[in-house]
Amino acid sequence: MKKCLKILLCTFVVVLSVFAMFRINTNAKTADNNGINTIKEEIKKPKQVQKEKQVQREKPAVVKTSTVRNSVPKNTPAPKTNTVRYGTFGRLYVRGYSVALYDYNVNTSSSSSLQTIVNNQDSAAYYINKGKLIIADHYYQGFSVLTNLGEESTAYIKFKDGSIIRYRLIKKARGVNTGPDLVDTNGNSFFNMRSDIIMYTCYGDGIMATLWVLS
């Protein structure tokens, strides 16, 4: 009987020993697995942090354009400058022809010649001779308009202050500029004919003279 109990006791001790060794191995493996997993997680974390930082760097910055658009000035047209030039005696308008008038009296001394005034672009000579107001300019500079006018045509002189003097054509005839006088083909002086203003230009071998009265 004692021998059987002794055998049972030894068997029980062996079983306990085997069970204890099994538990120790299992716990060790679990601990090792947990440690490996922890290491794996620690390894993954830097890569994830680097990836997140890379995503932040690659993310484009959002720029608001509304303030930029508001700061850009609108393309407003430049104010038009007044290019109309008035001479010392205003500006003459005859049909489609327009020219600045510069006064010169042939009966008085002057620092500028009558020919110089006529030769300049956008410049017609205005002077008084024998009580008549005379306007002269070159045919090729636009005064050729006189040759195409019919009686009752109108013209006007405009001044800087906006005032206007209007004229009406009553006579047109060919003639000659003798220097001191303007005469028709019969030798009659245009200065002795009814008019308030005489406009003339070179025409062929002579001149084309037009006589105007206030309208």
Protein backbone atom coordinates (compact mmCIF):
# COMPACT_ATOMS: atom_id res chain seq x y z
CA MET A 1 0.00 0.00 0.00
CA LYS A 2 2.73 2.40 0.92
CA LYS A 3 4.51 1.52 -2.26
CA CYS A 4 1.43 2.44 -4.36
CA LEU A 5 1.05 5.79 -2.64
CA LYS A 6 4.69 6.53 -3.23
CA ILE A 7 4.30 5.78 -6.93
CA LEU A 8 1.20 7.99 -7.18
CA LEU A 9 2.97 10.83 -5.40
CA CYS A 10 5.93 10.62 -7.73
CA THR A 11 3.65 10.59 -10.73
CA PHE A 12 1.80 13.65 -9.44
CA VAL A 13 5.06 15.53 -8.94
CA VAL A 14 6.21 14.71 -12.44
CA VAL A 15 2.89 15.90 -13.88
CA LEU A 16 3.14 19.16 -11.96
CA SER A 17 6.67 19.66 -13.17
CA VAL A 18 5.72 19.08 -16.79
CA PHE A 19 2.74 21.43 -16.45
CA ALA A 20 4.88 24.12 -14.87
CA MET A 21 7.47 23.89 -17.64
CA PHE A 22 4.72 24.13 -20.28
CA ARG A 23 3.32 27.30 -18.69
CA ILE A 24 6.76 28.88 -18.56
CA ASN A 25 7.42 28.17 -22.27
CA THR A 26 3.99 29.48 -23.26
CA ASN A 27 4.46 32.72 -21.32
CA ALA A 28 7.92 33.16 -22.75
CA LYS A 29 6.67 32.77 -26.30
CA THR A 30 3.81 35.18 -25.61
CA ALA A 31 6.23 37.67 -24.15
CA ASP A 32 8.56 37.21 -27.09
CA ASN A 33 5.70 37.70 -29.57
CA ASN A 34 4.53 40.79 -27.72
CA GLY A 35 8.04 42.16 -27.75
CA ILE A 36 8.45 41.49 -31.47
CA ASN A 37 5.08 43.11 -32.21
CA THR A 38 6.06 46.08 -30.09
CA ILE A 39 9.33 46.42 -31.96
CA LYS A 40 7.47 46.13 -35.26
CA GLU A 41 5.09 48.90 -34.20
CA GLU A 42 8.02 51.07 -33.13
CA ILE A 43 9.66 50.49 -36.52
CA LYS A 44 6.45 51.39 -38.33
CA LYS A 45 5.89 54.59 -36.37
CA PRO A 46 8.85 56.58 -37.80
CA LYS A 47 7.88 55.62 -41.33
CA GLN A 48 4.31 56.70 -40.68
CA VAL A 49 5.50 59.98 -39.16
CA GLN A 50 7.80 60.54 -42.15
CA LYS A 51 4.91 59.77 -44.50
CA GLU A 52 2.64 62.22 -42.69
CA LYS A 53 5.34 64.91 -42.84
CA GLN A 54 5.85 64.21 -46.53
CA VAL A 55 2.10 64.52 -47.15
CA GLN A 56 2.12 67.85 -45.29
CA ARG A 57 5.02 69.10 -47.41
CA GLU A 58 3.41 67.97 -50.66
CA LYS A 59 0.02 69.48 -49.78
CA PRO A 60 -0.28 72.70 -51.84
CA ALA A 61 -0.92 75.87 -49.96
CA VAL A 62 -4.30 77.46 -50.61
CA VAL A 63 -3.94 81.09 -51.80
CA LYS A 64 -6.90 83.42 -51.72
CA THR A 65 -7.14 85.38 -54.96
CA SER A 66 -9.95 87.70 -54.03
CA THR A 67 -7.63 90.21 -52.38
CA VAL A 68 -5.27 90.03 -55.36
CA ARG A 69 -8.08 90.74 -57.80
CA ASN A 70 -9.23 93.64 -55.69
CA SER A 71 -5.74 95.09 -55.60
CA VAL A 72 -5.34 95.04 -59.40
CA PRO A 73 -6.46 98.38 -60.90
CA LYS A 74 -9.12 98.24 -63.57
CA ASN A 75 -8.12 99.08 -67.11
CA THR A 76 -9.79 102.46 -67.42
CA PRO A 77 -9.36 104.28 -70.70
CA ALA A 78 -6.94 107.16 -70.57
CA PRO A 79 -8.62 110.55 -70.70
CA LYS A 80 -8.64 111.97 -74.18
CA THR A 81 -6.48 115.01 -74.62
CA ASN A 82 -7.75 117.97 -76.58
CA THR A 83 -5.72 117.90 -79.80
CA VAL A 84 -7.58 120.80 -81.42
CA ARG A 85 -5.11 123.63 -81.98
CA TYR A 86 -6.25 127.21 -82.12
CA GLY A 87 -4.06 129.80 -83.78
CA THR A 88 -3.85 133.42 -82.73
CA PHE A 89 -7.14 134.01 -84.56
CA GLY A 90 -9.00 130.78 -83.76
CA ARG A 91 -9.58 127.89 -86.12
CA LEU A 92 -11.27 127.84 -89.53
CA TYR A 93 -13.76 125.13 -90.59
CA VAL A 94 -14.83 124.79 -94.22
CA ARG A 95 -16.71 121.61 -95.06
CA GLY A 96 -14.18 118.83 -94.23
CA TYR A 97 -11.23 121.20 -94.00
CA SER A 98 -9.98 122.62 -90.71
CA VAL A 99 -6.89 124.73 -89.97
CA ALA A 100 -5.47 126.97 -87.25
CA LEU A 101 -5.38 130.67 -88.15
CA TYR A 102 -2.31 132.80 -87.39
CA ASP A 103 -2.61 136.55 -87.85
CA TYR A 104 -0.16 138.57 -89.86
CA ASN A 105 -0.78 142.10 -91.11
CA VAL A 106 1.08 142.84 -94.33
CA ASN A 107 0.85 146.55 -93.59
CA THR A 108 2.96 146.28 -90.41
CA SER A 109 6.37 144.85 -89.60
CA SER A 110 6.45 141.29 -88.26
CA SER A 111 9.09 138.87 -87.04
CA SER A 112 7.56 136.02 -89.07
CA SER A 113 6.87 136.11 -92.77
CA LEU A 114 3.49 135.45 -94.35
CA GLN A 115 5.03 132.67 -96.43
CA THR A 116 6.32 130.90 -93.31
CA ILE A 117 2.87 130.85 -91.76
CA VAL A 118 1.36 129.42 -94.94
CA ASN A 119 4.12 126.83 -95.32
CA ASN A 120 3.67 125.38 -91.82
CA GLN A 121 1.41 122.36 -91.37
CA ASP A 122 -2.00 123.03 -89.83
CA SER A 123 -1.36 126.74 -90.26
CA ALA A 124 -3.15 129.30 -92.43
CA ALA A 125 -2.32 132.99 -92.63
CA TYR A 126 -4.84 135.57 -91.51
CA TYR A 127 -4.26 139.24 -92.27
CA ILE A 128 -6.06 142.47 -93.14
CA ASN A 129 -5.39 144.30 -96.40
CA LYS A 130 -7.32 147.33 -97.66
CA GLY A 131 -9.90 146.80 -94.95
CA LYS A 132 -10.58 143.18 -95.97
CA LEU A 133 -10.01 140.12 -93.84
CA ILE A 134 -7.89 137.66 -95.85
CA ILE A 135 -7.17 133.96 -95.21
CA ALA A 136 -4.59 132.13 -97.33
CA ASP A 137 -3.21 128.59 -97.35
CA HIS A 138 -1.63 126.12 -99.76
CA TYR A 139 -3.80 124.13 -102.17
CA TYR A 140 -2.00 120.86 -101.34
CA GLN A 141 -2.45 121.35 -97.58
CA GLY A 142 -6.21 121.13 -97.79
CA PHE A 143 -7.33 124.52 -99.07
CA SER A 144 -8.19 122.82 -102.36
CA VAL A 145 -11.62 122.48 -100.74
CA LEU A 146 -12.33 126.02 -102.00
CA THR A 147 -12.39 124.84 -105.63
CA ASN A 148 -15.28 122.45 -104.96
CA LEU A 149 -17.56 124.83 -103.09
CA GLY A 150 -20.80 126.17 -104.52
CA GLU A 151 -22.49 129.42 -103.65
CA GLU A 152 -24.33 129.43 -100.31
CA SER A 153 -21.72 127.07 -98.84
CA THR A 154 -20.98 127.86 -95.21
CA ALA A 155 -17.86 128.17 -93.08
CA TYR A 156 -17.07 129.32 -89.55
CA ILE A 157 -14.21 130.40 -87.33
CA LYS A 158 -14.15 128.98 -83.80
CA PHE A 159 -12.22 130.47 -80.89
CA LYS A 160 -10.84 128.94 -77.70
CA ASP A 161 -13.64 130.41 -75.62
CA GLY A 162 -16.17 128.51 -77.75
CA SER A 163 -17.49 131.55 -79.63
CA ILE A 164 -18.11 131.15 -83.36
CA ILE A 165 -18.33 133.50 -86.36
CA ARG A 166 -20.25 132.07 -89.32
CA TYR A 167 -19.90 132.98 -93.00
CA ARG A 168 -21.73 132.28 -96.25
CA LEU A 169 -20.11 132.01 -99.68
CA ILE A 170 -21.44 134.52 -102.26
CA LYS A 171 -18.78 134.44 -105.00
CA LYS A 172 -16.03 132.17 -106.30
CA ALA A 173 -13.70 133.14 -109.14
CA ARG A 174 -10.24 132.52 -110.55
CA GLY A 175 -7.73 135.34 -110.36
CA VAL A 176 -4.16 136.46 -109.83
CA ASN A 177 -2.15 137.44 -106.78
CA THR A 178 -0.25 140.55 -107.85
CA GLY A 179 1.40 140.98 -104.45
CA PRO A 180 -0.32 144.08 -103.12
CA ASP A 181 -3.68 143.08 -104.62
CA LEU A 182 -5.88 140.13 -105.55
CA VAL A 183 -7.59 140.59 -108.91
CA ASP A 184 -9.89 138.51 -111.08
CA THR A 185 -9.09 137.53 -114.70
CA ASN A 186 -10.42 140.90 -115.87
CA GLY A 187 -8.13 142.83 -113.57
CA ASN A 188 -10.84 143.80 -111.08
CA SER A 189 -9.72 143.88 -107.45
CA PHE A 190 -11.46 141.43 -105.14
CA PHE A 191 -10.89 143.97 -102.40
CA ASN A 192 -13.40 146.28 -104.05
CA MET A 193 -16.09 143.60 -104.22
CA ARG A 194 -18.73 142.98 -101.55
CA SER A 195 -17.43 140.62 -98.85
CA ASP A 196 -16.61 140.37 -95.16
CA ILE A 197 -13.83 137.85 -95.67
CA ILE A 198 -11.80 136.59 -98.66
CA MET A 199 -10.25 133.11 -98.72
CA TYR A 200 -7.89 132.14 -101.50
CA THR A 201 -5.36 129.50 -102.54
CA CYS A 202 -3.03 128.85 -105.45
CA TYR A 203 -4.84 127.32 -108.42
CA GLY A 204 -3.14 126.54 -111.71
CA ASP A 205 -1.16 129.60 -112.83
CA GLY A 206 -3.13 131.90 -110.53
CA ILE A 207 -5.43 131.71 -107.53
CA MET A 208 -8.93 130.59 -106.60
CA ALA A 209 -10.63 133.36 -104.62
CA THR A 210 -13.83 132.97 -102.59
CA LEU A 211 -15.82 135.88 -101.16
CA TRP A 212 -17.88 135.42 -97.98
CA VAL A 213 -20.33 137.48 -95.95
CA LEU A 214 -21.46 137.09 -92.35
CA SER A 215 -24.18 134.49 -92.02
